[in-house]
Each structure stands twice: as C-alpha cells, then as structure tokens.
Amino acid sequence: MTDPLPAAEAVSRVEIEGLPVFRRGKVRDTFDLGDRLLMVATDRLSAFDCVLPDPIPGRGRVLTQMSRFWFAKTSRLVPNHLLGDDLSVIPAALRPRLEGRMMFCRKAQRIDVECVVRARLAGSGWEEYQRAGTLAGEAIPEGLAFGAVLPELRFTPATKSDTGHDQNISRAELAGLVGPALAESLEENSLRLFRFAADLCLAAGIWLVDTKFEFGLVGGRLTLIDELLTPDSSRMWLTTEPISSSTSLGFDKQLVRDHLLGSGWDRRPPAPHLPPELVREVQRRYQEVQERITKFAS
C-alpha cells in the first residue's frame, strides 16, 4: 500500500494567483477560467455538513483520482464535465502541491439536488426507517436489520446545500422542484450508474451500499458533475466483513461520524479535533479503497 503522506503535506486551502475563486465548498476550491472551471480537491474533511478542523493528508488526491477513474469508466453511460488538463494556467511553483488533485471541467448549470441511490439500509436511511418505518418518505418492508439488502434499489434524492444541511426529499417533491421529466431522467441515470458501478465494486470485494450523484446541464444536456463514486460520496463495505450497526465498516466517513457522535458533539460548528490515530486510520482506508477499486475494477 502507498505510504501515508506526512501531515505537513496536507492541503487545507488553495489560492492561485490570477485565478478568481468560483466557489469554495466543503472540500473543493473551484476557480473560474472563463469558459471552464478548475476544481481542486483539498484535504478538508466534512461530517454532518460541517468542515472539521483537521485535514486528512492526501485525501484530496484520492477523491480526485477515484473521480477521474469513474468518469472515464462511465462516460459511455452518461456524459460528464471532465476536460483535458491545461497546466499552463497553474504557476510552476504550485504544480507539485496541486498534482493529482485537479480537474478541469465544463461549466454546467448545476441541478441543486443530490441523487442518492441505496442498495442497503444504512446511514440516514436507517435512521429514518427506525423512526418511521419508511425510506425517503416511502414504505419499505417491516423487520429489516441494519445493512439489509433492500428489495430493490431505491432512489432517495436530497436537496443540495454548500453550507447548511442537506434535506432528504421524496421523489414526488423532486418532481415538484425540477419538473417530472427531469426528475425521471435523474432517477433513471442514477440507477443505471449505480448498477454499473456496483458490479465493478463487487469485483474488488466491495459492496456499494449507497452513493450520491450530482448533475448539471451543459448545453441543455444532462451531465455528471462534481465528484463520482468516492469514499466521500459513497458507502463502500468489504464483502468479507460482518455487518453490524455498532461497527464502522469499509472505507467511507462513517468511522469519523461514529467518533463525533460518541464525543457528545451537537453537530453545530465548530467541530472538535480528531485524534491523530483516527486521522491516520481514515487516511489508510481512503488509500486502500483507491487501490482496490483501480486495481480490480480496471
């Protein structure tokens, strides 16, 4: 496995002289190049929609390289925003620091919805099921356990927020927000992408539990944007590990969420610091899932 990067090499914020900032999100700093965008994935980590004070060294490179991998794999299924690199716009002194964490992208009219697909019962879906017996406001069978395979893939959209909390909505609410035709297209494309990715993940010994896709319109055409099938946007569990709601499985951020919930934090900023050993473990898991996916799903 790749040796972890030292903490001194963590990238928490990016400034590029001469390039105006288009948006600073929870993880990515995006710059306006006029006819296109430059997205740079930092090592910032967010949980419960709050940016944590401790970066995970090298995390941005993992997110970028996995997104690039999946954009290439799925380009025949759904068009995406990824363009070829143009390092001429990056000052030479900055290139080593930004190497591996940059994506040059088409500008898109973002659809402010997270298109979540779930194959198993976990996360906020499990919380809702325990509370109300539903998933995204729709009934599912009684008596399901944590991590249970759902009777069929479920499309459970959420409203998108850069700064506040994302809110789960029903498919009917989605149709009311974006119109029935676009809502249907978002669902169909999300399910198609999930099925394709889940098969490749299984070849790597990983269950794709759930993930979120983000879309925009480029020239009126539905286009995948942002990141794709990363441990930030997905739950990925090893097929060889037993499933338990009391155990942090796999390669996603649940390990951090569990720690924060156990710390007594009320989910409001500022978030508490993470123990150094937890930072190292999250770093290790992100590196491992990148290596597994790119090796076995190629």
C-alpha atoms as a PDB file:
ATOM      1  CA  MET A   1       0.000   0.000   0.000  1.00  0.00           C
ATOM      2  CA  THR A   2       1.138   3.556  -0.672  1.00  0.00           C
ATOM      3  CA  ASP A   3       2.949   5.126   2.273  1.00  0.00           C
ATOM      4  CA  PRO A   4       0.802   7.772   4.009  1.00  0.00           C
ATOM      5  CA  LEU A   5       1.694  11.373   3.309  1.00  0.00           C
ATOM      6  CA  PRO A   6       3.137  13.290   6.265  1.00  0.00           C
ATOM      7  CA  ALA A   7       0.780  15.724   7.965  1.00  0.00           C
ATOM      8  CA  ALA A   8       2.892  18.671   6.825  1.00  0.00           C
ATOM      9  CA  GLU A   9       1.820  17.982   3.245  1.00  0.00           C
ATOM     10  CA  ALA A  10      -1.882  18.327   3.917  1.00  0.00           C
ATOM     11  CA  VAL A  11      -3.613  20.912   1.706  1.00  0.00           C
ATOM     12  CA  SER A  12      -6.388  22.724   3.543  1.00  0.00           C
ATOM     13  CA  ARG A  13      -6.910  25.726   1.278  1.00  0.00           C
ATOM     14  CA  VAL A  14      -5.811  26.652  -2.234  1.00  0.00           C
ATOM     15  CA  GLU A  15      -5.033  30.084  -3.625  1.00  0.00           C
ATOM     16  CA  ILE A  16      -3.880  30.515  -7.237  1.00  0.00           C
ATOM     17  CA  GLU A  17      -2.629  33.952  -8.161  1.00  0.00           C
ATOM     18  CA  GLY A  18      -4.522  35.423 -11.095  1.00  0.00           C
ATOM     19  CA  LEU A  19      -7.429  32.957 -10.915  1.00  0.00           C
ATOM     20  CA  PRO A  20     -10.683  34.163  -9.338  1.00  0.00           C
ATOM     21  CA  VAL A  21     -12.445  31.828  -6.932  1.00  0.00           C
ATOM     22  CA  PHE A  22     -15.693  30.476  -8.342  1.00  0.00           C
ATOM     23  CA  ARG A  23     -16.750  28.622  -5.192  1.00  0.00           C
ATOM     24  CA  ARG A  24     -15.267  27.248  -2.008  1.00  0.00           C
ATOM     25  CA  GLY A  25     -17.199  24.176  -0.988  1.00  0.00           C
ATOM     26  CA  LYS A  26     -16.803  21.874   1.970  1.00  0.00           C
ATOM     27  CA  VAL A  27     -13.931  20.050   0.274  1.00  0.00           C
ATOM     28  CA  ARG A  28     -13.159  21.638  -3.104  1.00  0.00           C
ATOM     29  CA  ASP A  29     -11.831  25.050  -4.081  1.00  0.00           C
ATOM     30  CA  THR A  30     -13.057  25.874  -7.585  1.00  0.00           C
ATOM     31  CA  PHE A  31     -11.562  28.570  -9.827  1.00  0.00           C
ATOM     32  CA  ASP A  32     -13.128  30.383 -12.779  1.00  0.00           C
ATOM     33  CA  LEU A  33     -11.206  30.049 -16.041  1.00  0.00           C
ATOM     34  CA  GLY A  34     -13.810  31.863 -18.095  1.00  0.00           C
ATOM     35  CA  ASP A  35     -15.113  29.120 -20.368  1.00  0.00           C
ATOM     36  CA  ARG A  36     -14.364  26.317 -17.877  1.00  0.00           C
ATOM     37  CA  LEU A  37     -13.624  25.609 -14.231  1.00  0.00           C
ATOM     38  CA  LEU A  38     -10.647  24.278 -12.311  1.00  0.00           C
ATOM     39  CA  MET A  39     -11.688  22.112  -9.356  1.00  0.00           C
ATOM     40  CA  VAL A  40      -9.056  21.395  -6.704  1.00  0.00           C
ATOM     41  CA  ALA A  41      -9.802  18.821  -4.018  1.00  0.00           C
ATOM     42  CA  THR A  42      -8.269  19.853  -0.698  1.00  0.00           C
ATOM     43  CA  ASP A  43      -7.670  17.566   2.263  1.00  0.00           C
ATOM     44  CA  ARG A  44     -10.508  19.161   4.233  1.00  0.00           C
ATOM     45  CA  LEU A  45     -12.972  16.704   5.736  1.00  0.00           C
ATOM     46  CA  SER A  46     -16.619  17.412   6.462  1.00  0.00           C
ATOM     47  CA  ALA A  47     -19.074  15.477   8.576  1.00  0.00           C
ATOM     48  CA  PHE A  48     -22.689  16.310   9.334  1.00  0.00           C
ATOM     49  CA  ASP A  49     -22.255  19.176   6.842  1.00  0.00           C
ATOM     50  CA  CYS A  50     -19.545  20.791   8.949  1.00  0.00           C
ATOM     51  CA  VAL A  51     -15.899  21.182   7.908  1.00  0.00           C
ATOM     52  CA  LEU A  52     -13.669  19.613  10.555  1.00  0.00           C
ATOM     53  CA  PRO A  53     -10.553  21.379  11.858  1.00  0.00           C
ATOM     54  CA  ASP A  54      -8.196  18.504  10.985  1.00  0.00           C
ATOM     55  CA  PRO A  55      -7.405  17.698   7.337  1.00  0.00           C
ATOM     56  CA  ILE A  56      -6.649  14.142   6.179  1.00  0.00           C
ATOM     57  CA  PRO A  57      -3.308  14.313   4.317  1.00  0.00           C
ATOM     58  CA  GLY A  58      -3.571  13.114   0.721  1.00  0.00           C
ATOM     59  CA  ARG A  59      -7.352  12.735   0.849  1.00  0.00           C
ATOM     60  CA  GLY A  60      -7.932  15.230  -1.946  1.00  0.00           C
ATOM     61  CA  ARG A  61      -5.736  13.216  -4.276  1.00  0.00           C
ATOM     62  CA  VAL A  62      -7.721  10.061  -3.528  1.00  0.00           C
ATOM     63  CA  LEU A  63     -11.017  11.833  -4.222  1.00  0.00           C
ATOM     64  CA  THR A  64      -9.714  13.282  -7.481  1.00  0.00           C
ATOM     65  CA  GLN A  65      -8.116  10.103  -8.799  1.00  0.00           C
ATOM     66  CA  MET A  66     -11.161   7.990  -7.976  1.00  0.00           C
ATOM     67  CA  SER A  67     -13.466  10.540  -9.618  1.00  0.00           C
ATOM     68  CA  ARG A  68     -11.274  10.555 -12.727  1.00  0.00           C
ATOM     69  CA  PHE A  69     -11.332   6.754 -12.800  1.00  0.00           C
ATOM     70  CA  TRP A  70     -15.107   6.574 -12.584  1.00  0.00           C
ATOM     71  CA  PHE A  71     -15.721   9.443 -15.011  1.00  0.00           C
ATOM     72  CA  ALA A  72     -13.681   7.506 -17.577  1.00  0.00           C
ATOM     73  CA  LYS A  73     -15.475   4.239 -16.824  1.00  0.00           C
ATOM     74  CA  THR A  74     -18.984   5.716 -17.062  1.00  0.00           C
ATOM     75  CA  SER A  75     -18.515   8.177 -19.934  1.00  0.00           C
ATOM     76  CA  ARG A  76     -20.439   5.920 -22.310  1.00  0.00           C
ATOM     77  CA  LEU A  77     -23.371   5.750 -19.921  1.00  0.00           C
ATOM     78  CA  VAL A  78     -23.748   9.433 -19.068  1.00  0.00           C
ATOM     79  CA  PRO A  79     -21.724  12.441 -20.300  1.00  0.00           C
ATOM     80  CA  ASN A  80     -19.631  14.182 -17.650  1.00  0.00           C
ATOM     81  CA  HIS A  81     -17.949  17.531 -17.131  1.00  0.00           C
ATOM     82  CA  LEU A  82     -14.309  16.377 -17.157  1.00  0.00           C
ATOM     83  CA  LEU A  83     -11.974  18.083 -19.652  1.00  0.00           C
ATOM     84  CA  GLY A  84      -8.330  17.572 -20.507  1.00  0.00           C
ATOM     85  CA  ASP A  85      -5.716  19.155 -18.256  1.00  0.00           C
ATOM     86  CA  ASP A  86      -4.138  22.524 -19.035  1.00  0.00           C
ATOM     87  CA  LEU A  87      -1.254  23.067 -16.633  1.00  0.00           C
ATOM     88  CA  SER A  88      -0.288  26.311 -18.351  1.00  0.00           C
ATOM     89  CA  VAL A  89      -2.753  28.171 -16.109  1.00  0.00           C
ATOM     90  CA  ILE A  90      -1.045  26.863 -12.941  1.00  0.00           C
ATOM     91  CA  PRO A  91       2.116  28.634 -11.719  1.00  0.00           C
ATOM     92  CA  ALA A  92       5.038  26.205 -11.924  1.00  0.00           C
ATOM     93  CA  ALA A  93       5.786  26.572  -8.216  1.00  0.00           C
ATOM     94  CA  LEU A  94       2.267  25.359  -7.324  1.00  0.00           C
ATOM     95  CA  ARG A  95       2.116  22.343  -9.608  1.00  0.00           C
ATOM     96  CA  PRO A  96       3.806  19.826  -7.256  1.00  0.00           C
ATOM     97  CA  ARG A  97       1.411  20.805  -4.446  1.00  0.00           C
ATOM     98  CA  LEU A  98      -1.668  20.516  -6.674  1.00  0.00           C
ATOM     99  CA  GLU A  99      -0.594  17.489  -8.694  1.00  0.00           C
ATOM    100  CA  GLY A 100      -3.180  14.719  -8.620  1.00  0.00           C
ATOM    101  CA  ARG A 101      -5.899  16.823  -7.021  1.00  0.00           C
ATOM    102  CA  MET A 102      -7.011  18.973 -10.012  1.00  0.00           C
ATOM    103  CA  MET A 103      -9.828  18.529 -12.543  1.00  0.00           C
ATOM    104  CA  PHE A 104     -10.508  20.900 -15.422  1.00  0.00           C
ATOM    105  CA  CYS A 105     -14.255  20.849 -16.041  1.00  0.00           C
ATOM    106  CA  ARG A 106     -17.001  22.183 -18.266  1.00  0.00           C
ATOM    107  CA  LYS A 107     -19.210  24.825 -16.728  1.00  0.00           C
ATOM    108  CA  ALA A 108     -22.654  23.463 -16.005  1.00  0.00           C
ATOM    109  CA  GLN A 109     -25.949  24.789 -14.744  1.00  0.00           C
ATOM    110  CA  ARG A 110     -25.992  22.811 -11.526  1.00  0.00           C
ATOM    111  CA  ILE A 111     -29.157  20.991 -10.512  1.00  0.00           C
ATOM    112  CA  ASP A 112     -29.286  21.597  -6.765  1.00  0.00           C
ATOM    113  CA  VAL A 113     -30.244  18.042  -5.843  1.00  0.00           C
ATOM    114  CA  GLU A 114     -28.203  15.122  -4.584  1.00  0.00           C
ATOM    115  CA  CYS A 115     -29.290  11.994  -6.433  1.00  0.00           C
ATOM    116  CA  VAL A 116     -28.836   9.279  -3.815  1.00  0.00           C
ATOM    117  CA  VAL A 117     -29.186   5.591  -4.662  1.00  0.00           C
ATOM    118  CA  ARG A 118     -29.316   2.973  -1.907  1.00  0.00           C
ATOM    119  CA  ALA A 119     -28.822  -0.781  -2.155  1.00  0.00           C
ATOM    120  CA  ARG A 120     -28.703  -1.440   1.599  1.00  0.00           C
ATOM    121  CA  LEU A 121     -30.234   0.107   4.697  1.00  0.00           C
ATOM    122  CA  ALA A 122     -27.671   2.376   6.386  1.00  0.00           C
ATOM    123  CA  GLY A 123     -26.920   5.982   7.311  1.00  0.00           C
ATOM    124  CA  SER A 124     -29.777   8.457   7.328  1.00  0.00           C
ATOM    125  CA  GLY A 125     -31.939   5.848   5.602  1.00  0.00           C
ATOM    126  CA  TRP A 126     -31.520   3.520   8.574  1.00  0.00           C
ATOM    127  CA  GLU A 127     -32.260   6.371  10.984  1.00  0.00           C
ATOM    128  CA  GLU A 128     -35.489   7.208   9.136  1.00  0.00           C
ATOM    129  CA  TYR A 129     -36.505   3.549   8.972  1.00  0.00           C
ATOM    130  CA  GLN A 130     -36.038   3.134  12.714  1.00  0.00           C
ATOM    131  CA  ARG A 131     -38.024   6.293  13.377  1.00  0.00           C
ATOM    132  CA  ALA A 132     -40.845   5.998  10.857  1.00  0.00           C
ATOM    133  CA  GLY A 133     -40.605   2.668   9.050  1.00  0.00           C
ATOM    134  CA  THR A 134     -40.062   4.484   5.756  1.00  0.00           C
ATOM    135  CA  LEU A 135     -37.228   5.358   3.379  1.00  0.00           C
ATOM    136  CA  ALA A 136     -37.350   8.820   1.789  1.00  0.00           C
ATOM    137  CA  GLY A 137     -40.967   9.019   2.883  1.00  0.00           C
ATOM    138  CA  GLU A 138     -41.968   5.787   1.145  1.00  0.00           C
ATOM    139  CA  ALA A 139     -42.890   2.498   2.783  1.00  0.00           C
ATOM    140  CA  ILE A 140     -40.467  -0.445   2.793  1.00  0.00           C
ATOM    141  CA  PRO A 141     -40.932  -3.897   4.389  1.00  0.00           C
ATOM    142  CA  GLU A 142     -41.016  -4.222   8.169  1.00  0.00           C
ATOM    143  CA  GLY A 143     -38.391  -6.052  10.199  1.00  0.00           C
ATOM    144  CA  LEU A 144     -35.292  -5.123   8.198  1.00  0.00           C
ATOM    145  CA  ALA A 145     -31.964  -5.063  10.036  1.00  0.00           C
ATOM    146  CA  PHE A 146     -29.155  -2.577   9.686  1.00  0.00           C
ATOM    147  CA  GLY A 147     -27.311  -3.210   6.422  1.00  0.00           C
ATOM    148  CA  ALA A 148     -30.122  -5.318   4.971  1.00  0.00           C
ATOM    149  CA  VAL A 149     -30.323  -5.546   1.192  1.00  0.00           C
ATOM    150  CA  LEU A 150     -33.314  -3.520   0.052  1.00  0.00           C
ATOM    151  CA  PRO A 151     -35.932  -5.353  -2.046  1.00  0.00           C
ATOM    152  CA  GLU A 152     -34.837  -3.140  -4.947  1.00  0.00           C
ATOM    153  CA  LEU A 153     -32.521  -0.211  -5.483  1.00  0.00           C
ATOM    154  CA  ARG A 154     -34.074   2.923  -4.031  1.00  0.00           C
ATOM    155  CA  PHE A 155     -33.636   6.428  -5.415  1.00  0.00           C
ATOM    156  CA  THR A 156     -33.781   8.829  -2.451  1.00  0.00           C
ATOM    157  CA  PRO A 157     -32.982  12.421  -3.501  1.00  0.00           C
ATOM    158  CA  ALA A 158     -31.942  15.255  -1.204  1.00  0.00           C
ATOM    159  CA  THR A 159     -31.746  18.994  -1.596  1.00  0.00           C
ATOM    160  CA  LYS A 160     -28.205  20.286  -2.096  1.00  0.00           C
ATOM    161  CA  SER A 161     -26.535  22.795   0.216  1.00  0.00           C
ATOM    162  CA  ASP A 162     -22.960  24.112   0.149  1.00  0.00           C
ATOM    163  CA  THR A 163     -23.087  25.445   3.694  1.00  0.00           C
ATOM    164  CA  GLY A 164     -26.124  24.105   5.550  1.00  0.00           C
ATOM    165  CA  HIS A 165     -27.671  20.676   5.990  1.00  0.00           C
ATOM    166  CA  ASP A 166     -28.848  18.637   3.011  1.00  0.00           C
ATOM    167  CA  GLN A 167     -32.504  17.607   3.355  1.00  0.00           C
ATOM    168  CA  ASN A 168     -33.935  14.285   2.182  1.00  0.00           C
ATOM    169  CA  ILE A 169     -36.972  14.671  -0.061  1.00  0.00           C
ATOM    170  CA  SER A 170     -39.408  12.288  -1.724  1.00  0.00           C
ATOM    171  CA  ARG A 171     -39.492  11.585  -5.441  1.00  0.00           C
ATOM    172  CA  ALA A 172     -42.765  13.496  -5.613  1.00  0.00           C
ATOM    173  CA  GLU A 173     -41.085  16.523  -4.025  1.00  0.00           C
ATOM    174  CA  LEU A 174     -38.219  16.205  -6.513  1.00  0.00           C
ATOM    175  CA  ALA A 175     -40.682  16.289  -9.411  1.00  0.00           C
ATOM    176  CA  GLY A 176     -42.199  19.411  -7.909  1.00  0.00           C
ATOM    177  CA  LEU A 177     -38.778  21.070  -7.714  1.00  0.00           C
ATOM    178  CA  VAL A 178     -37.344  20.253 -11.152  1.00  0.00           C
ATOM    179  CA  GLY A 179     -40.325  19.032 -13.157  1.00  0.00           C
ATOM    180  CA  PRO A 180     -41.497  15.440 -13.822  1.00  0.00           C
ATOM    181  CA  ALA A 181     -39.418  14.885 -16.980  1.00  0.00           C
ATOM    182  CA  LEU A 182     -36.104  15.953 -15.439  1.00  0.00           C
ATOM    183  CA  ALA A 183     -36.889  14.094 -12.208  1.00  0.00           C
ATOM    184  CA  GLU A 184     -37.466  10.890 -14.179  1.00  0.00           C
ATOM    185  CA  SER A 185     -34.224  11.371 -16.113  1.00  0.00           C
ATOM    186  CA  LEU A 186     -32.255  11.967 -12.901  1.00  0.00           C
ATOM    187  CA  GLU A 187     -33.636   8.781 -11.381  1.00  0.00           C
ATOM    188  CA  GLU A 188     -33.075   6.627 -14.476  1.00  0.00           C
ATOM    189  CA  ASN A 189     -29.500   7.793 -14.968  1.00  0.00           C
ATOM    190  CA  SER A 190     -28.663   7.449 -11.282  1.00  0.00           C
ATOM    191  CA  LEU A 191     -29.936   3.861 -11.170  1.00  0.00           C
ATOM    192  CA  ARG A 192     -28.071   2.979 -14.373  1.00  0.00           C
ATOM    193  CA  LEU A 193     -24.812   4.370 -12.991  1.00  0.00           C
ATOM    194  CA  PHE A 194     -25.257   2.614  -9.665  1.00  0.00           C
ATOM    195  CA  ARG A 195     -25.834  -0.808 -11.223  1.00  0.00           C
ATOM    196  CA  PHE A 196     -22.743  -0.439 -13.401  1.00  0.00           C
ATOM    197  CA  ALA A 197     -20.540   0.713 -10.515  1.00  0.00           C
ATOM    198  CA  ALA A 198     -21.859  -1.883  -8.063  1.00  0.00           C
ATOM    199  CA  ASP A 199     -20.807  -4.706 -10.390  1.00  0.00           C
ATOM    200  CA  LEU A 200     -17.280  -3.303 -10.698  1.00  0.00           C
ATOM    201  CA  CYS A 201     -17.017  -2.732  -6.946  1.00  0.00           C
ATOM    202  CA  LEU A 202     -18.077  -6.323  -6.308  1.00  0.00           C
ATOM    203  CA  ALA A 203     -15.121  -7.483  -8.425  1.00  0.00           C
ATOM    204  CA  ALA A 204     -12.924  -5.612  -5.938  1.00  0.00           C
ATOM    205  CA  GLY A 205     -14.574  -7.314  -2.955  1.00  0.00           C
ATOM    206  CA  ILE A 206     -16.648  -4.255  -2.093  1.00  0.00           C
ATOM    207  CA  TRP A 207     -20.368  -3.751  -1.627  1.00  0.00           C
ATOM    208  CA  LEU A 208     -21.527  -0.392  -2.934  1.00  0.00           C
ATOM    209  CA  VAL A 209     -24.044   0.321  -0.183  1.00  0.00           C
ATOM    210  CA  ASP A 210     -25.161   3.761  -1.339  1.00  0.00           C
ATOM    211  CA  THR A 211     -23.825   6.761  -3.217  1.00  0.00           C
ATOM    212  CA  LYS A 212     -24.833  10.190  -4.414  1.00  0.00           C
ATOM    213  CA  PHE A 213     -24.592  11.574  -7.917  1.00  0.00           C
ATOM    214  CA  GLU A 214     -24.712  15.224  -8.897  1.00  0.00           C
ATOM    215  CA  PHE A 215     -25.846  16.509 -12.267  1.00  0.00           C
ATOM    216  CA  GLY A 216     -25.944  19.729 -14.209  1.00  0.00           C
ATOM    217  CA  LEU A 217     -26.975  20.870 -17.644  1.00  0.00           C
ATOM    218  CA  VAL A 218     -24.343  21.608 -20.287  1.00  0.00           C
ATOM    219  CA  GLY A 219     -25.902  22.974 -23.434  1.00  0.00           C
ATOM    220  CA  GLY A 220     -29.214  21.592 -22.217  1.00  0.00           C
ATOM    221  CA  ARG A 221     -27.773  18.071 -21.889  1.00  0.00           C
ATOM    222  CA  LEU A 222     -27.827  16.210 -18.587  1.00  0.00           C
ATOM    223  CA  THR A 223     -24.220  15.882 -17.405  1.00  0.00           C
ATOM    224  CA  LEU A 224     -22.481  14.295 -14.402  1.00  0.00           C
ATOM    225  CA  ILE A 225     -20.584  16.869 -12.344  1.00  0.00           C
ATOM    226  CA  ASP A 226     -18.654  17.305  -9.092  1.00  0.00           C
ATOM    227  CA  GLU A 227     -17.151  14.023  -7.786  1.00  0.00           C
ATOM    228  CA  LEU A 228     -18.093  10.449  -8.580  1.00  0.00           C
ATOM    229  CA  LEU A 229     -18.144   7.253  -6.509  1.00  0.00           C
ATOM    230  CA  THR A 230     -15.578   8.329  -3.938  1.00  0.00           C
ATOM    231  CA  PRO A 231     -15.463   7.368  -0.247  1.00  0.00           C
ATOM    232  CA  ASP A 232     -16.808  10.870   0.436  1.00  0.00           C
ATOM    233  CA  SER A 233     -19.898  10.402  -1.687  1.00  0.00           C
ATOM    234  CA  SER A 234     -20.425   6.667  -1.119  1.00  0.00           C
ATOM    235  CA  ARG A 235     -20.627   3.928   1.459  1.00  0.00           C
ATOM    236  CA  MET A 236     -18.361   1.077   0.430  1.00  0.00           C
ATOM    237  CA  TRP A 237     -18.114  -2.028   2.634  1.00  0.00           C
ATOM    238  CA  LEU A 238     -15.806  -5.013   2.360  1.00  0.00           C
ATOM    239  CA  THR A 239     -17.776  -8.120   1.430  1.00  0.00           C
ATOM    240  CA  THR A 240     -15.677 -10.141   3.890  1.00  0.00           C
ATOM    241  CA  GLU A 241     -16.578  -8.118   6.993  1.00  0.00           C
ATOM    242  CA  PRO A 242     -19.604  -8.929   9.182  1.00  0.00           C
ATOM    243  CA  ILE A 243     -22.311  -6.271   9.155  1.00  0.00           C
ATOM    244  CA  SER A 244     -23.121  -4.605  12.466  1.00  0.00           C
ATOM    245  CA  SER A 245     -24.605  -1.206  13.275  1.00  0.00           C
ATOM    246  CA  SER A 246     -22.090  -0.873  16.117  1.00  0.00           C
ATOM    247  CA  THR A 247     -19.063  -1.263  13.853  1.00  0.00           C
ATOM    248  CA  SER A 248     -17.628   1.192  11.354  1.00  0.00           C
ATOM    249  CA  LEU A 249     -17.427  -0.759   8.136  1.00  0.00           C
ATOM    250  CA  GLY A 250     -15.466  -0.218   4.997  1.00  0.00           C
ATOM    251  CA  PHE A 251     -13.970   2.900   3.518  1.00  0.00           C
ATOM    252  CA  ASP A 252     -16.366   5.792   3.947  1.00  0.00           C
ATOM    253  CA  LYS A 253     -16.576   8.570   6.538  1.00  0.00           C
ATOM    254  CA  GLN A 254     -18.682   6.556   8.994  1.00  0.00           C
ATOM    255  CA  LEU A 255     -15.641   5.981  11.199  1.00  0.00           C
ATOM    256  CA  VAL A 256     -15.398   9.739  11.692  1.00  0.00           C
ATOM    257  CA  ARG A 257     -19.151  10.141  12.149  1.00  0.00           C
ATOM    258  CA  ASP A 258     -19.173   7.445  14.838  1.00  0.00           C
ATOM    259  CA  HIS A 259     -16.338   9.151  16.695  1.00  0.00           C
ATOM    260  CA  LEU A 260     -18.044  12.535  16.563  1.00  0.00           C
ATOM    261  CA  LEU A 261     -21.364  11.127  17.730  1.00  0.00           C
ATOM    262  CA  GLY A 262     -19.609   9.402  20.618  1.00  0.00           C
ATOM    263  CA  SER A 263     -17.817  12.617  21.588  1.00  0.00           C
ATOM    264  CA  GLY A 264     -21.030  14.361  22.571  1.00  0.00           C
ATOM    265  CA  TRP A 265     -20.704  16.998  19.846  1.00  0.00           C
ATOM    266  CA  ASP A 266     -24.060  18.590  18.998  1.00  0.00           C
ATOM    267  CA  ARG A 267     -23.340  18.736  15.223  1.00  0.00           C
ATOM    268  CA  ARG A 268     -23.021  22.526  15.281  1.00  0.00           C
ATOM    269  CA  PRO A 269     -19.810  24.396  14.376  1.00  0.00           C
ATOM    270  CA  PRO A 270     -17.127  24.410  15.490  1.00  0.00           C
ATOM    271  CA  ALA A 271     -16.442  20.687  15.256  1.00  0.00           C
ATOM    272  CA  PRO A 272     -13.991  19.057  17.685  1.00  0.00           C
ATOM    273  CA  HIS A 273     -10.486  17.982  16.703  1.00  0.00           C
ATOM    274  CA  LEU A 274      -9.886  14.387  15.633  1.00  0.00           C
ATOM    275  CA  PRO A 275      -7.363  12.187  17.457  1.00  0.00           C
ATOM    276  CA  PRO A 276      -4.157  11.686  15.410  1.00  0.00           C
ATOM    277  CA  GLU A 277      -4.681   7.917  15.308  1.00  0.00           C
ATOM    278  CA  LEU A 278      -8.129   8.416  13.767  1.00  0.00           C
ATOM    279  CA  VAL A 279      -6.676  10.755  11.136  1.00  0.00           C
ATOM    280  CA  ARG A 280      -4.112   8.077  10.238  1.00  0.00           C
ATOM    281  CA  GLU A 281      -6.761   5.349  10.052  1.00  0.00           C
ATOM    282  CA  VAL A 282      -9.042   7.402   7.800  1.00  0.00           C
ATOM    283  CA  GLN A 283      -6.047   8.176   5.598  1.00  0.00           C
ATOM    284  CA  ARG A 284      -5.200   4.471   5.374  1.00  0.00           C
ATOM    285  CA  ARG A 285      -8.751   3.479   4.474  1.00  0.00           C
ATOM    286  CA  TYR A 286      -9.012   6.101   1.721  1.00  0.00           C
ATOM    287  CA  GLN A 287      -5.761   4.939   0.189  1.00  0.00           C
ATOM    288  CA  GLU A 288      -6.805   1.284   0.385  1.00  0.00           C
ATOM    289  CA  VAL A 289     -10.137   1.776  -1.341  1.00  0.00           C
ATOM    290  CA  GLN A 290      -8.484   3.716  -4.158  1.00  0.00           C
ATOM    291  CA  GLU A 291      -6.008   0.914  -4.708  1.00  0.00           C
ATOM    292  CA  ARG A 292      -8.672  -1.796  -4.518  1.00  0.00           C
ATOM    293  CA  ILE A 293     -11.049  -0.112  -6.933  1.00  0.00           C
ATOM    294  CA  THR A 294      -8.491   0.969  -9.518  1.00  0.00           C
ATOM    295  CA  LYS A 295      -6.741  -2.429  -9.428  1.00  0.00           C
ATOM    296  CA  PHE A 296      -9.671  -4.821  -9.521  1.00  0.00           C
ATOM    297  CA  ALA A 297     -12.265  -2.746 -11.403  1.00  0.00           C
ATOM    298  CA  SER A 298      -9.979  -1.756 -14.283  1.00  0.00           C
END
